[in-house]
Amino acid sequence: MIVDSLQLEVEPSAIVPEEPLFHDGLGLDSIDALELALAISRNYKVELRSEDEQNRRIFASLRALAEYVETNRK
């Protein structure tokens, strides 16, 4: 879903679940975070708010994001 929604030029299997999503990891930026939050909301009915103080932890890695989504799915 990340690769498709953000139109990344990387194979999904190349994404290491523990690597950071931003900067030196997958290289996402703040616009990508907004698009990803919208895709997660549409696909999994989980709201991610830009002002949430936990966002650094939630978006730290693919694994952290997946665990958050799994825990908060409706």
N, C-alpha and C. Protein backbone atom coordinates (compact mmCIF):
# COMPACT_ATOMS: atom_id res chain seq x y z
N MET A 1 0.82 -1.18 0.00
CA MET A 1 0.00 0.00 0.00
C MET A 1 0.87 1.26 0.00
N ILE A 2 1.97 1.25 0.74
CA ILE A 2 2.85 2.41 0.78
C ILE A 2 3.42 2.70 -0.60
N VAL A 3 3.90 1.68 -1.26
CA VAL A 3 4.51 1.85 -2.59
C VAL A 3 3.47 2.36 -3.57
N ASP A 4 2.28 1.79 -3.56
CA ASP A 4 1.23 2.21 -4.49
C ASP A 4 0.72 3.61 -4.20
N SER A 5 0.38 3.89 -2.95
CA SER A 5 -0.22 5.18 -2.62
C SER A 5 0.75 6.34 -2.79
N LEU A 6 2.05 6.09 -2.58
CA LEU A 6 3.04 7.15 -2.72
C LEU A 6 3.77 7.09 -4.06
N GLN A 7 3.41 6.12 -4.88
CA GLN A 7 4.02 5.92 -6.20
C GLN A 7 5.55 5.89 -6.09
N LEU A 8 6.04 5.08 -5.15
CA LEU A 8 7.47 4.94 -4.93
C LEU A 8 8.08 4.06 -6.00
N GLU A 9 9.31 4.33 -6.32
CA GLU A 9 10.03 3.52 -7.29
C GLU A 9 10.93 2.52 -6.56
N VAL A 10 10.29 1.70 -5.75
CA VAL A 10 10.98 0.67 -4.99
C VAL A 10 10.05 -0.54 -4.90
N GLU A 11 10.63 -1.71 -4.92
CA GLU A 11 9.84 -2.92 -4.77
C GLU A 11 9.42 -3.06 -3.31
N PRO A 12 8.17 -3.44 -3.06
CA PRO A 12 7.74 -3.61 -1.66
C PRO A 12 8.65 -4.53 -0.86
N SER A 13 9.17 -5.56 -1.48
CA SER A 13 10.04 -6.50 -0.77
C SER A 13 11.37 -5.87 -0.37
N ALA A 14 11.72 -4.73 -0.97
CA ALA A 14 12.97 -4.05 -0.65
C ALA A 14 12.86 -3.17 0.59
N ILE A 15 11.65 -2.96 1.08
CA ILE A 15 11.45 -2.13 2.27
C ILE A 15 11.70 -2.98 3.51
N VAL A 16 12.68 -2.57 4.29
CA VAL A 16 13.03 -3.27 5.53
C VAL A 16 12.12 -2.74 6.64
N PRO A 17 11.32 -3.60 7.27
CA PRO A 17 10.33 -3.15 8.25
C PRO A 17 10.89 -2.31 9.40
N GLU A 18 12.14 -2.51 9.77
CA GLU A 18 12.72 -1.79 10.91
C GLU A 18 13.42 -0.50 10.50
N GLU A 19 13.63 -0.26 9.21
CA GLU A 19 14.31 0.96 8.77
C GLU A 19 13.39 2.16 8.92
N PRO A 20 13.97 3.34 9.16
CA PRO A 20 13.15 4.55 9.25
C PRO A 20 12.41 4.82 7.95
N LEU A 21 11.22 5.38 8.06
CA LEU A 21 10.46 5.74 6.87
C LEU A 21 10.95 7.06 6.29
N PHE A 22 11.55 7.92 7.12
CA PHE A 22 11.98 9.24 6.70
C PHE A 22 13.49 9.34 6.65
N HIS A 23 13.98 10.39 6.03
CA HIS A 23 15.39 10.74 5.95
C HIS A 23 16.22 9.61 5.34
N ASP A 24 17.17 9.06 6.10
CA ASP A 24 18.11 8.08 5.56
C ASP A 24 17.49 6.71 5.29
N GLY A 25 16.30 6.48 5.79
CA GLY A 25 15.63 5.20 5.56
C GLY A 25 14.99 5.18 4.18
N LEU A 26 13.68 5.15 4.14
CA LEU A 26 12.94 5.10 2.87
C LEU A 26 12.93 6.46 2.18
N GLY A 27 13.23 7.52 2.92
CA GLY A 27 13.35 8.85 2.32
C GLY A 27 12.05 9.61 2.17
N LEU A 28 11.02 9.26 2.94
CA LEU A 28 9.75 9.97 2.85
C LEU A 28 9.89 11.37 3.42
N ASP A 29 8.95 12.25 3.03
CA ASP A 29 8.92 13.61 3.57
C ASP A 29 7.54 13.89 4.16
N SER A 30 7.32 15.11 4.60
CA SER A 30 6.07 15.45 5.28
C SER A 30 4.84 15.32 4.37
N ILE A 31 4.98 15.61 3.09
CA ILE A 31 3.88 15.44 2.15
C ILE A 31 3.54 13.95 2.02
N ASP A 32 4.58 13.11 1.97
CA ASP A 32 4.36 11.66 1.92
C ASP A 32 3.61 11.19 3.16
N ALA A 33 3.95 11.76 4.31
CA ALA A 33 3.28 11.37 5.56
C ALA A 33 1.80 11.69 5.49
N LEU A 34 1.45 12.84 4.95
CA LEU A 34 0.04 13.21 4.81
C LEU A 34 -0.68 12.26 3.86
N GLU A 35 -0.07 11.97 2.74
CA GLU A 35 -0.67 11.05 1.77
C GLU A 35 -0.81 9.65 2.36
N LEU A 36 0.19 9.22 3.09
CA LEU A 36 0.16 7.91 3.72
C LEU A 36 -0.93 7.85 4.79
N ALA A 37 -1.07 8.91 5.57
CA ALA A 37 -2.12 8.96 6.59
C ALA A 37 -3.51 8.87 5.95
N LEU A 38 -3.70 9.53 4.81
CA LEU A 38 -4.98 9.45 4.10
C LEU A 38 -5.23 8.04 3.58
N ALA A 39 -4.21 7.40 3.02
CA ALA A 39 -4.36 6.04 2.51
C ALA A 39 -4.68 5.07 3.64
N ILE A 40 -4.05 5.24 4.78
CA ILE A 40 -4.31 4.37 5.93
C ILE A 40 -5.74 4.58 6.42
N SER A 41 -6.17 5.83 6.46
CA SER A 41 -7.54 6.14 6.88
C SER A 41 -8.55 5.47 5.95
N ARG A 42 -8.33 5.58 4.65
CA ARG A 42 -9.24 4.98 3.68
C ARG A 42 -9.25 3.45 3.75
N ASN A 43 -8.07 2.86 3.83
CA ASN A 43 -7.95 1.40 3.77
C ASN A 43 -8.23 0.69 5.08
N TYR A 44 -7.86 1.33 6.20
CA TYR A 44 -7.94 0.64 7.48
C TYR A 44 -8.82 1.33 8.51
N LYS A 45 -9.40 2.49 8.15
CA LYS A 45 -10.27 3.25 9.06
C LYS A 45 -9.56 3.64 10.35
N VAL A 46 -8.27 3.99 10.22
CA VAL A 46 -7.47 4.45 11.35
C VAL A 46 -7.12 5.91 11.09
N GLU A 47 -7.48 6.79 12.02
CA GLU A 47 -7.17 8.20 11.85
C GLU A 47 -5.80 8.52 12.43
N LEU A 48 -5.01 9.21 11.63
CA LEU A 48 -3.71 9.71 12.06
C LEU A 48 -3.76 11.23 11.93
N ARG A 49 -3.59 11.91 13.03
CA ARG A 49 -3.69 13.37 13.03
C ARG A 49 -2.30 14.01 13.02
N SER A 50 -2.16 15.08 12.27
CA SER A 50 -0.86 15.73 12.14
C SER A 50 -0.35 16.30 13.46
N GLU A 51 -1.25 16.66 14.37
CA GLU A 51 -0.82 17.25 15.64
C GLU A 51 -0.58 16.22 16.74
N ASP A 52 -0.73 14.94 16.43
CA ASP A 52 -0.54 13.89 17.43
C ASP A 52 0.92 13.83 17.87
N GLU A 53 1.15 13.93 19.16
CA GLU A 53 2.51 13.91 19.71
C GLU A 53 3.21 12.57 19.52
N GLN A 54 2.46 11.53 19.21
CA GLN A 54 3.03 10.20 19.04
C GLN A 54 3.50 9.94 17.60
N ASN A 55 3.32 10.89 16.69
CA ASN A 55 3.62 10.66 15.29
C ASN A 55 5.06 10.21 15.03
N ARG A 56 6.00 10.75 15.76
CA ARG A 56 7.40 10.32 15.57
C ARG A 56 7.54 8.82 15.83
N ARG A 57 6.89 8.36 16.87
CA ARG A 57 6.95 6.93 17.21
C ARG A 57 6.15 6.12 16.20
N ILE A 58 4.95 6.59 15.85
CA ILE A 58 4.07 5.86 14.93
C ILE A 58 4.73 5.71 13.56
N PHE A 59 5.33 6.78 13.06
CA PHE A 59 5.94 6.76 11.73
C PHE A 59 7.44 6.45 11.76
N ALA A 60 7.93 5.93 12.85
CA ALA A 60 9.37 5.64 12.97
C ALA A 60 9.84 4.61 11.95
N SER A 61 9.01 3.62 11.69
CA SER A 61 9.38 2.56 10.75
C SER A 61 8.10 1.90 10.24
N LEU A 62 8.24 1.08 9.23
CA LEU A 62 7.09 0.34 8.72
C LEU A 62 6.51 -0.56 9.80
N ARG A 63 7.37 -1.20 10.56
CA ARG A 63 6.90 -2.08 11.64
C ARG A 63 6.10 -1.29 12.67
N ALA A 64 6.61 -0.13 13.10
CA ALA A 64 5.90 0.69 14.09
C ALA A 64 4.55 1.14 13.54
N LEU A 65 4.52 1.55 12.28
CA LEU A 65 3.28 1.99 11.67
C LEU A 65 2.29 0.84 11.56
N ALA A 66 2.75 -0.33 11.15
CA ALA A 66 1.88 -1.50 11.02
C ALA A 66 1.31 -1.90 12.38
N GLU A 67 2.13 -1.85 13.41
CA GLU A 67 1.66 -2.21 14.75
C GLU A 67 0.61 -1.21 15.23
N TYR A 68 0.81 0.07 14.95
CA TYR A 68 -0.17 1.08 15.34
C TYR A 68 -1.49 0.85 14.63
N VAL A 69 -1.42 0.61 13.32
CA VAL A 69 -2.63 0.38 12.54
C VAL A 69 -3.37 -0.87 13.05
N GLU A 70 -2.63 -1.93 13.29
CA GLU A 70 -3.25 -3.18 13.76
C GLU A 70 -3.95 -2.96 15.11
N THR A 71 -3.32 -2.23 15.98
CA THR A 71 -3.87 -1.97 17.31
C THR A 71 -5.10 -1.06 17.26
N ASN A 72 -5.15 -0.16 16.29
CA ASN A 72 -6.21 0.86 16.26
C ASN A 72 -7.23 0.69 15.16
N ARG A 73 -7.23 -0.44 14.49
CA ARG A 73 -8.23 -0.68 13.43
C ARG A 73 -9.62 -0.75 14.02
N LYS A 74 -10.58 -0.24 13.27
CA LYS A 74 -11.97 -0.28 13.72
C LYS A 74 -12.69 -1.43 13.08
